[in-house]
Amino acid sequence: MKQAEALIRNQPPESVLGLLDVSGSMYNKEVAAAFKEFAEDNKPYIKMTVIIGLEGIKKVLYDAVIIFTRRKNIVAMDDIEKAKDFLAGIK
C-alpha cells in the first residue's frame, strides 16, 4: 500500500481511477486499520475506485470504510471485466 500511496499522491486531485482486487486476501485488525487509513488519506486524489473480491468479513470491512470515510466514489463489483468497463466509462 505504501507504493500505491506514493503513486496516488503524486496525481492531481480527483484524477485517479482505482481497481482493487481483495480476492484471497487475509483480514485482521492491522489490515482493517491500514485499509481505513489508506482510503481516508487518498480520498482527495481518487475519482473512482472499484473493489472486487469482497465476501464475508471483507464485505463488512468495506461497509465500515464507506461509513468511516463518507466516500461516495467507491463501489463493489463481482467481476473484474465489468469493473474495468465501468472505470473506462468514467469521464
PDB file of N, CA and C in Angstrom:
ATOM      1  N   MET A   1       0.816  -1.188   0.000  1.00  0.00           N
ATOM      2  CA  MET A   1       0.000   0.000   0.000  1.00  0.00           C
ATOM      3  C   MET A   1       0.865   1.259   0.000  1.00  0.00           C
ATOM      4  N   LYS A   2       2.056   1.178   0.559  1.00  0.00           N
ATOM      5  CA  LYS A   2       2.936   2.356   0.585  1.00  0.00           C
ATOM      6  C   LYS A   2       3.312   2.800  -0.825  1.00  0.00           C
ATOM      7  N   GLN A   3       3.579   1.847  -1.715  1.00  0.00           N
ATOM      8  CA  GLN A   3       3.911   2.195  -3.099  1.00  0.00           C
ATOM      9  C   GLN A   3       2.718   2.841  -3.784  1.00  0.00           C
ATOM     10  N   ALA A   4       1.533   2.324  -3.551  1.00  0.00           N
ATOM     11  CA  ALA A   4       0.322   2.891  -4.147  1.00  0.00           C
ATOM     12  C   ALA A   4       0.078   4.291  -3.620  1.00  0.00           C
ATOM     13  N   GLU A   5       0.275   4.494  -2.316  1.00  0.00           N
ATOM     14  CA  GLU A   5       0.099   5.831  -1.735  1.00  0.00           C
ATOM     15  C   GLU A   5       0.993   6.850  -2.424  1.00  0.00           C
ATOM     16  N   ALA A   6       2.261   6.522  -2.595  1.00  0.00           N
ATOM     17  CA  ALA A   6       3.205   7.443  -3.223  1.00  0.00           C
ATOM     18  C   ALA A   6       2.774   7.775  -4.650  1.00  0.00           C
ATOM     19  N   LEU A   7       2.347   6.784  -5.380  1.00  0.00           N
ATOM     20  CA  LEU A   7       1.902   6.997  -6.755  1.00  0.00           C
ATOM     21  C   LEU A   7       0.639   7.857  -6.791  1.00  0.00           C
ATOM     22  N   ILE A   8      -0.323   7.524  -5.959  1.00  0.00           N
ATOM     23  CA  ILE A   8      -1.598   8.255  -5.933  1.00  0.00           C
ATOM     24  C   ILE A   8      -1.398   9.712  -5.549  1.00  0.00           C
ATOM     25  N   ARG A   9      -0.588   9.949  -4.547  1.00  0.00           N
ATOM     26  CA  ARG A   9      -0.416  11.321  -4.029  1.00  0.00           C
ATOM     27  C   ARG A   9       0.396  12.222  -4.947  1.00  0.00           C
ATOM     28  N   ASN A  10       0.949  11.675  -6.003  1.00  0.00           N
ATOM     29  CA  ASN A  10       1.638  12.487  -7.000  1.00  0.00           C
ATOM     30  C   ASN A  10       0.741  12.841  -8.174  1.00  0.00           C
ATOM     31  N   GLN A  11      -0.540  12.525  -8.069  1.00  0.00           N
ATOM     32  CA  GLN A  11      -1.510  12.802  -9.130  1.00  0.00           C
ATOM     33  C   GLN A  11      -2.355  14.018  -8.762  1.00  0.00           C
ATOM     34  N   PRO A  12      -2.980  14.644  -9.760  1.00  0.00           N
ATOM     35  CA  PRO A  12      -3.868  15.769  -9.466  1.00  0.00           C
ATOM     36  C   PRO A  12      -5.080  15.309  -8.645  1.00  0.00           C
ATOM     37  N   PRO A  13      -5.679  16.213  -7.890  1.00  0.00           N
ATOM     38  CA  PRO A  13      -6.872  15.871  -7.123  1.00  0.00           C
ATOM     39  C   PRO A  13      -7.983  15.305  -8.013  1.00  0.00           C
ATOM     40  N   GLU A  14      -8.693  14.330  -7.468  1.00  0.00           N
ATOM     41  CA  GLU A  14      -9.844  13.707  -8.125  1.00  0.00           C
ATOM     42  C   GLU A  14      -9.534  13.211  -9.537  1.00  0.00           C
ATOM     43  N   SER A  15      -8.368  12.616  -9.719  1.00  0.00           N
ATOM     44  CA  SER A  15      -7.981  12.156 -11.058  1.00  0.00           C
ATOM     45  C   SER A  15      -7.714  10.649 -11.141  1.00  0.00           C
ATOM     46  N   VAL A  16      -7.594   9.978 -10.011  1.00  0.00           N
ATOM     47  CA  VAL A  16      -7.160   8.580 -10.002  1.00  0.00           C
ATOM     48  C   VAL A  16      -8.361   7.630 -10.083  1.00  0.00           C
ATOM     49  N   LEU A  17      -8.267   6.687 -11.022  1.00  0.00           N
ATOM     50  CA  LEU A  17      -9.228   5.587 -11.112  1.00  0.00           C
ATOM     51  C   LEU A  17      -8.536   4.353 -10.556  1.00  0.00           C
ATOM     52  N   GLY A  18      -9.145   3.728  -9.565  1.00  0.00           N
ATOM     53  CA  GLY A  18      -8.505   2.586  -8.923  1.00  0.00           C
ATOM     54  C   GLY A  18      -9.307   1.312  -9.064  1.00  0.00           C
ATOM     55  N   LEU A  19      -8.591   0.202  -9.159  1.00  0.00           N
ATOM     56  CA  LEU A  19      -9.194  -1.125  -9.184  1.00  0.00           C
ATOM     57  C   LEU A  19      -8.452  -1.966  -8.153  1.00  0.00           C
ATOM     58  N   LEU A  20      -9.177  -2.392  -7.140  1.00  0.00           N
ATOM     59  CA  LEU A  20      -8.582  -3.137  -6.038  1.00  0.00           C
ATOM     60  C   LEU A  20      -9.205  -4.520  -5.971  1.00  0.00           C
ATOM     61  N   ASP A  21      -8.379  -5.543  -6.106  1.00  0.00           N
ATOM     62  CA  ASP A  21      -8.842  -6.927  -6.020  1.00  0.00           C
ATOM     63  C   ASP A  21      -8.395  -7.491  -4.678  1.00  0.00           C
ATOM     64  N   VAL A  22      -9.366  -7.757  -3.806  1.00  0.00           N
ATOM     65  CA  VAL A  22      -9.051  -8.285  -2.482  1.00  0.00           C
ATOM     66  C   VAL A  22      -9.316  -9.788  -2.386  1.00  0.00           C
ATOM     67  N   SER A  23      -9.517 -10.424  -3.519  1.00  0.00           N
ATOM     68  CA  SER A  23      -9.729 -11.871  -3.544  1.00  0.00           C
ATOM     69  C   SER A  23      -8.534 -12.571  -2.905  1.00  0.00           C
ATOM     70  N   GLY A  24      -8.804 -13.482  -2.019  1.00  0.00           N
ATOM     71  CA  GLY A  24      -7.742 -14.254  -1.396  1.00  0.00           C
ATOM     72  C   GLY A  24      -6.941 -13.522  -0.340  1.00  0.00           C
ATOM     73  N   SER A  25      -7.285 -12.282  -0.055  1.00  0.00           N
ATOM     74  CA  SER A  25      -6.535 -11.539   0.957  1.00  0.00           C
ATOM     75  C   SER A  25      -6.994 -11.935   2.360  1.00  0.00           C
ATOM     76  N   MET A  26      -6.123 -11.722   3.309  1.00  0.00           N
ATOM     77  CA  MET A  26      -6.412 -12.054   4.700  1.00  0.00           C
ATOM     78  C   MET A  26      -6.866 -10.804   5.441  1.00  0.00           C
ATOM     79  N   TYR A  27      -7.648 -11.014   6.472  1.00  0.00           N
ATOM     80  CA  TYR A  27      -8.175  -9.911   7.263  1.00  0.00           C
ATOM     81  C   TYR A  27      -7.714 -10.050   8.707  1.00  0.00           C
ATOM     82  N   ASN A  28      -7.277  -8.936   9.284  1.00  0.00           N
ATOM     83  CA  ASN A  28      -7.042  -8.844  10.726  1.00  0.00           C
ATOM     84  C   ASN A  28      -7.162  -7.370  11.121  1.00  0.00           C
ATOM     85  N   LYS A  29      -6.999  -7.069  12.382  1.00  0.00           N
ATOM     86  CA  LYS A  29      -7.175  -5.685  12.863  1.00  0.00           C
ATOM     87  C   LYS A  29      -6.197  -4.724  12.200  1.00  0.00           C
ATOM     88  N   GLU A  30      -4.968  -5.171  12.000  1.00  0.00           N
ATOM     89  CA  GLU A  30      -3.959  -4.300  11.394  1.00  0.00           C
ATOM     90  C   GLU A  30      -4.304  -3.994   9.933  1.00  0.00           C
ATOM     91  N   VAL A  31      -4.772  -4.999   9.218  1.00  0.00           N
ATOM     92  CA  VAL A  31      -5.182  -4.794   7.821  1.00  0.00           C
ATOM     93  C   VAL A  31      -6.369  -3.835   7.768  1.00  0.00           C
ATOM     94  N   ALA A  32      -7.338  -4.036   8.650  1.00  0.00           N
ATOM     95  CA  ALA A  32      -8.513  -3.162   8.677  1.00  0.00           C
ATOM     96  C   ALA A  32      -8.112  -1.713   8.944  1.00  0.00           C
ATOM     97  N   ALA A  33      -7.250  -1.492   9.923  1.00  0.00           N
ATOM     98  CA  ALA A  33      -6.804  -0.134  10.247  1.00  0.00           C
ATOM     99  C   ALA A  33      -6.025   0.489   9.094  1.00  0.00           C
ATOM    100  N   ALA A  34      -5.151  -0.292   8.482  1.00  0.00           N
ATOM    101  CA  ALA A  34      -4.361   0.220   7.356  1.00  0.00           C
ATOM    102  C   ALA A  34      -5.251   0.571   6.173  1.00  0.00           C
ATOM    103  N   PHE A  35      -6.249  -0.261   5.897  1.00  0.00           N
ATOM    104  CA  PHE A  35      -7.146  -0.008   4.782  1.00  0.00           C
ATOM    105  C   PHE A  35      -7.974   1.252   5.026  1.00  0.00           C
ATOM    106  N   LYS A  36      -8.478   1.427   6.239  1.00  0.00           N
ATOM    107  CA  LYS A  36      -9.253   2.642   6.565  1.00  0.00           C
ATOM    108  C   LYS A  36      -8.389   3.893   6.395  1.00  0.00           C
ATOM    109  N   GLU A  37      -7.155   3.825   6.900  1.00  0.00           N
ATOM    110  CA  GLU A  37      -6.239   4.963   6.790  1.00  0.00           C
ATOM    111  C   GLU A  37      -5.904   5.247   5.320  1.00  0.00           C
ATOM    112  N   PHE A  38      -5.632   4.198   4.562  1.00  0.00           N
ATOM    113  CA  PHE A  38      -5.328   4.339   3.139  1.00  0.00           C
ATOM    114  C   PHE A  38      -6.481   5.016   2.400  1.00  0.00           C
ATOM    115  N   ALA A  39      -7.702   4.556   2.645  1.00  0.00           N
ATOM    116  CA  ALA A  39      -8.879   5.109   1.976  1.00  0.00           C
ATOM    117  C   ALA A  39      -9.093   6.572   2.352  1.00  0.00           C
ATOM    118  N   GLU A  40      -8.922   6.894   3.606  1.00  0.00           N
ATOM    119  CA  GLU A  40      -9.130   8.273   4.062  1.00  0.00           C
ATOM    120  C   GLU A  40      -8.046   9.213   3.533  1.00  0.00           C
ATOM    121  N   ASP A  41      -6.794   8.803   3.631  1.00  0.00           N
ATOM    122  CA  ASP A  41      -5.679   9.666   3.245  1.00  0.00           C
ATOM    123  C   ASP A  41      -5.618   9.923   1.740  1.00  0.00           C
ATOM    124  N   ASN A  42      -6.112   8.998   0.945  1.00  0.00           N
ATOM    125  CA  ASN A  42      -6.068   9.156  -0.506  1.00  0.00           C
ATOM    126  C   ASN A  42      -7.349   9.726  -1.096  1.00  0.00           C
ATOM    127  N   LYS A  43      -8.308   9.985  -0.261  1.00  0.00           N
ATOM    128  CA  LYS A  43      -9.615  10.484  -0.693  1.00  0.00           C
ATOM    129  C   LYS A  43      -9.537  11.675  -1.645  1.00  0.00           C
ATOM    130  N   PRO A  44      -8.693  12.665  -1.404  1.00  0.00           N
ATOM    131  CA  PRO A  44      -8.672  13.842  -2.304  1.00  0.00           C
ATOM    132  C   PRO A  44      -8.236  13.535  -3.738  1.00  0.00           C
ATOM    133  N   TYR A  45      -7.524  12.450  -3.929  1.00  0.00           N
ATOM    134  CA  TYR A  45      -6.948  12.147  -5.241  1.00  0.00           C
ATOM    135  C   TYR A  45      -7.798  11.199  -6.093  1.00  0.00           C
ATOM    136  N   ILE A  46      -8.738  10.525  -5.456  1.00  0.00           N
ATOM    137  CA  ILE A  46      -9.485   9.457  -6.117  1.00  0.00           C
ATOM    138  C   ILE A  46     -10.728   9.984  -6.815  1.00  0.00           C
ATOM    139  N   LYS A  47     -10.833   9.644  -8.072  1.00  0.00           N
ATOM    140  CA  LYS A  47     -12.041   9.952  -8.830  1.00  0.00           C
ATOM    141  C   LYS A  47     -13.061   8.829  -8.640  1.00  0.00           C
ATOM    142  N   MET A  48     -12.603   7.571  -8.764  1.00  0.00           N
ATOM    143  CA  MET A  48     -13.471   6.414  -8.550  1.00  0.00           C
ATOM    144  C   MET A  48     -12.604   5.199  -8.279  1.00  0.00           C
ATOM    145  N   THR A  49     -13.082   4.344  -7.383  1.00  0.00           N
ATOM    146  CA  THR A  49     -12.423   3.076  -7.095  1.00  0.00           C
ATOM    147  C   THR A  49     -13.459   1.961  -7.164  1.00  0.00           C
ATOM    148  N   VAL A  50     -13.059   0.860  -7.765  1.00  0.00           N
ATOM    149  CA  VAL A  50     -13.880  -0.349  -7.772  1.00  0.00           C
ATOM    150  C   VAL A  50     -13.115  -1.421  -7.008  1.00  0.00           C
ATOM    151  N   ILE A  51     -13.808  -2.074  -6.096  1.00  0.00           N
ATOM    152  CA  ILE A  51     -13.222  -3.168  -5.333  1.00  0.00           C
ATOM    153  C   ILE A  51     -13.914  -4.460  -5.738  1.00  0.00           C
ATOM    154  N   ILE A  52     -13.120  -5.462  -6.043  1.00  0.00           N
ATOM    155  CA  ILE A  52     -13.686  -6.777  -6.352  1.00  0.00           C
ATOM    156  C   ILE A  52     -13.144  -7.800  -5.350  1.00  0.00           C
ATOM    157  N   GLY A  53     -13.874  -8.896  -5.198  1.00  0.00           N
ATOM    158  CA  GLY A  53     -13.439  -9.966  -4.313  1.00  0.00           C
ATOM    159  C   GLY A  53     -13.906  -9.819  -2.882  1.00  0.00           C
ATOM    160  N   LEU A  54     -14.922  -8.982  -2.660  1.00  0.00           N
ATOM    161  CA  LEU A  54     -15.433  -8.808  -1.304  1.00  0.00           C
ATOM    162  C   LEU A  54     -16.392  -9.933  -0.946  1.00  0.00           C
ATOM    163  N   GLU A  55     -16.105 -10.582   0.157  1.00  0.00           N
ATOM    164  CA  GLU A  55     -17.015 -11.594   0.667  1.00  0.00           C
ATOM    165  C   GLU A  55     -16.756 -11.754   2.157  1.00  0.00           C
ATOM    166  N   GLY A  56     -17.741 -12.183   2.874  1.00  0.00           N
ATOM    167  CA  GLY A  56     -17.603 -12.407   4.304  1.00  0.00           C
ATOM    168  C   GLY A  56     -17.201 -11.166   5.062  1.00  0.00           C
ATOM    169  N   ILE A  57     -16.190 -11.308   5.907  1.00  0.00           N
ATOM    170  CA  ILE A  57     -15.737 -10.213   6.765  1.00  0.00           C
ATOM    171  C   ILE A  57     -15.197  -9.046   5.953  1.00  0.00           C
ATOM    172  N   LYS A  58     -14.662  -9.318   4.770  1.00  0.00           N
ATOM    173  CA  LYS A  58     -14.151  -8.233   3.917  1.00  0.00           C
ATOM    174  C   LYS A  58     -15.278  -7.314   3.476  1.00  0.00           C
ATOM    175  N   LYS A  59     -16.470  -7.859   3.266  1.00  0.00           N
ATOM    176  CA  LYS A  59     -17.631  -7.039   2.902  1.00  0.00           C
ATOM    177  C   LYS A  59     -18.024  -6.158   4.072  1.00  0.00           C
ATOM    178  N   VAL A  60     -17.958  -6.696   5.277  1.00  0.00           N
ATOM    179  CA  VAL A  60     -18.259  -5.913   6.484  1.00  0.00           C
ATOM    180  C   VAL A  60     -17.248  -4.774   6.621  1.00  0.00           C
ATOM    181  N   LEU A  61     -15.977  -5.063   6.385  1.00  0.00           N
ATOM    182  CA  LEU A  61     -14.927  -4.039   6.439  1.00  0.00           C
ATOM    183  C   LEU A  61     -15.182  -2.959   5.395  1.00  0.00           C
ATOM    184  N   TYR A  62     -15.529  -3.364   4.192  1.00  0.00           N
ATOM    185  CA  TYR A  62     -15.846  -2.409   3.120  1.00  0.00           C
ATOM    186  C   TYR A  62     -16.960  -1.474   3.562  1.00  0.00           C
ATOM    187  N   ASP A  63     -18.038  -2.025   4.107  1.00  0.00           N
ATOM    188  CA  ASP A  63     -19.164  -1.200   4.568  1.00  0.00           C
ATOM    189  C   ASP A  63     -18.719  -0.212   5.643  1.00  0.00           C
ATOM    190  N   ALA A  64     -17.845  -0.659   6.549  1.00  0.00           N
ATOM    191  CA  ALA A  64     -17.338   0.222   7.601  1.00  0.00           C
ATOM    192  C   ALA A  64     -16.480   1.344   7.025  1.00  0.00           C
ATOM    193  N   VAL A  65     -15.649   1.023   6.050  1.00  0.00           N
ATOM    194  CA  VAL A  65     -14.801   2.042   5.419  1.00  0.00           C
ATOM    195  C   VAL A  65     -15.661   3.098   4.722  1.00  0.00           C
ATOM    196  N   ILE A  66     -16.707   2.663   4.058  1.00  0.00           N
ATOM    197  CA  ILE A  66     -17.604   3.608   3.382  1.00  0.00           C
ATOM    198  C   ILE A  66     -18.227   4.557   4.407  1.00  0.00           C
ATOM    199  N   ILE A  67     -18.672   4.015   5.519  1.00  0.00           N
ATOM    200  CA  ILE A  67     -19.268   4.858   6.567  1.00  0.00           C
ATOM    201  C   ILE A  67     -18.222   5.776   7.173  1.00  0.00           C
ATOM    202  N   PHE A  68     -17.058   5.231   7.513  1.00  0.00           N
ATOM    203  CA  PHE A  68     -15.992   5.978   8.171  1.00  0.00           C
ATOM    204  C   PHE A  68     -15.458   7.115   7.297  1.00  0.00           C
ATOM    205  N   THR A  69     -15.240   6.846   6.035  1.00  0.00           N
ATOM    206  CA  THR A  69     -14.629   7.846   5.154  1.00  0.00           C
ATOM    207  C   THR A  69     -15.652   8.735   4.453  1.00  0.00           C
ATOM    208  N   ARG A  70     -16.918   8.328   4.490  1.00  0.00           N
ATOM    209  CA  ARG A  70     -18.001   9.058   3.795  1.00  0.00           C
ATOM    210  C   ARG A  70     -17.728   9.172   2.298  1.00  0.00           C
ATOM    211  N   ARG A  71     -17.033   8.191   1.774  1.00  0.00           N
ATOM    212  CA  ARG A  71     -16.712   8.223   0.345  1.00  0.00           C
ATOM    213  C   ARG A  71     -17.873   7.736  -0.488  1.00  0.00           C
ATOM    214  N   LYS A  72     -18.151   8.474  -1.537  1.00  0.00           N
ATOM    215  CA  LYS A  72     -19.211   8.121  -2.484  1.00  0.00           C
ATOM    216  C   LYS A  72     -18.616   7.558  -3.770  1.00  0.00           C
ATOM    217  N   ASN A  73     -17.289   7.545  -3.844  1.00  0.00           N
ATOM    218  CA  ASN A  73     -16.619   7.145  -5.079  1.00  0.00           C
ATOM    219  C   ASN A  73     -15.910   5.797  -4.959  1.00  0.00           C
ATOM    220  N   ILE A  74     -16.515   4.898  -4.188  1.00  0.00           N
ATOM    221  CA  ILE A  74     -16.043   3.514  -4.097  1.00  0.00           C
ATOM    222  C   ILE A  74     -17.252   2.614  -4.334  1.00  0.00           C
ATOM    223  N   VAL A  75     -17.108   1.679  -5.259  1.00  0.00           N
ATOM    224  CA  VAL A  75     -18.170   0.714  -5.500  1.00  0.00           C
ATOM    225  C   VAL A  75     -17.587  -0.694  -5.465  1.00  0.00           C
ATOM    226  N   ALA A  76     -18.425  -1.638  -5.103  1.00  0.00           N
ATOM    227  CA  ALA A  76     -18.019  -3.044  -5.096  1.00  0.00           C
ATOM    228  C   ALA A  76     -18.654  -3.748  -6.284  1.00  0.00           C
ATOM    229  N   MET A  77     -17.880  -4.588  -6.936  1.00  0.00           N
ATOM    230  CA  MET A  77     -18.368  -5.386  -8.054  1.00  0.00           C
ATOM    231  C   MET A  77     -17.818  -6.803  -7.911  1.00  0.00           C
ATOM    232  N   ASP A  78     -18.467  -7.738  -8.605  1.00  0.00           N
ATOM    233  CA  ASP A  78     -18.062  -9.133  -8.523  1.00  0.00           C
ATOM    234  C   ASP A  78     -17.145  -9.575  -9.660  1.00  0.00           C
ATOM    235  N   ASP A  79     -17.106  -8.825 -10.735  1.00  0.00           N
ATOM    236  CA  ASP A  79     -16.417  -9.267 -11.942  1.00  0.00           C
ATOM    237  C   ASP A  79     -15.374  -8.237 -12.379  1.00  0.00           C
ATOM    238  N   ILE A  80     -14.138  -8.673 -12.586  1.00  0.00           N
ATOM    239  CA  ILE A  80     -13.064  -7.742 -12.939  1.00  0.00           C
ATOM    240  C   ILE A  80     -13.289  -7.089 -14.299  1.00  0.00           C
ATOM    241  N   GLU A  81     -13.820  -7.815 -15.256  1.00  0.00           N
ATOM    242  CA  GLU A  81     -14.052  -7.227 -16.576  1.00  0.00           C
ATOM    243  C   GLU A  81     -15.137  -6.150 -16.515  1.00  0.00           C
ATOM    244  N   LYS A  82     -16.186  -6.399 -15.747  1.00  0.00           N
ATOM    245  CA  LYS A  82     -17.223  -5.377 -15.558  1.00  0.00           C
ATOM    246  C   LYS A  82     -16.648  -4.162 -14.838  1.00  0.00           C
ATOM    247  N   ALA A  83     -15.763  -4.404 -13.884  1.00  0.00           N
ATOM    248  CA  ALA A  83     -15.118  -3.299 -13.150  1.00  0.00           C
ATOM    249  C   ALA A  83     -14.269  -2.459 -14.094  1.00  0.00           C
ATOM    250  N   LYS A  84     -13.500  -3.106 -14.963  1.00  0.00           N
ATOM    251  CA  LYS A  84     -12.677  -2.376 -15.924  1.00  0.00           C
ATOM    252  C   LYS A  84     -13.545  -1.570 -16.886  1.00  0.00           C
ATOM    253  N   ASP A  85     -14.623  -2.168 -17.367  1.00  0.00           N
ATOM    254  CA  ASP A  85     -15.541  -1.459 -18.260  1.00  0.00           C
ATOM    255  C   ASP A  85     -16.165  -0.256 -17.566  1.00  0.00           C
ATOM    256  N   PHE A  86     -16.540  -0.447 -16.312  1.00  0.00           N
ATOM    257  CA  PHE A  86     -17.132   0.635 -15.539  1.00  0.00           C
ATOM    258  C   PHE A  86     -16.144   1.803 -15.406  1.00  0.00           C
ATOM    259  N   LEU A  87     -14.908   1.498 -15.027  1.00  0.00           N
ATOM    260  CA  LEU A  87     -13.903   2.549 -14.878  1.00  0.00           C
ATOM    261  C   LEU A  87     -13.570   3.217 -16.213  1.00  0.00           C
ATOM    262  N   ALA A  88     -13.546   2.446 -17.289  1.00  0.00           N
ATOM    263  CA  ALA A  88     -13.248   3.008 -18.597  1.00  0.00           C
ATOM    264  C   ALA A  88     -14.331   3.995 -19.037  1.00  0.00           C
ATOM    265  N   GLY A  89     -15.538   3.853 -18.503  1.00  0.00           N
ATOM    266  CA  GLY A  89     -16.630   4.751 -18.852  1.00  0.00           C
ATOM    267  C   GLY A  89     -16.711   6.004 -18.009  1.00  0.00           C
ATOM    268  N   ILE A  90     -15.833   6.133 -17.004  1.00  0.00           N
ATOM    269  CA  ILE A  90     -15.824   7.314 -16.135  1.00  0.00           C
ATOM    270  C   ILE A  90     -15.212   8.484 -16.905  1.00  0.00           C
ATOM    271  N   LYS A  91     -15.902   9.580 -16.922  1.00  0.00           N
ATOM    272  CA  LYS A  91     -15.410  10.794 -17.597  1.00  0.00           C
ATOM    273  C   LYS A  91     -14.669  11.672 -16.632  1.00  0.00           C
TER     274      LYS A  91
END
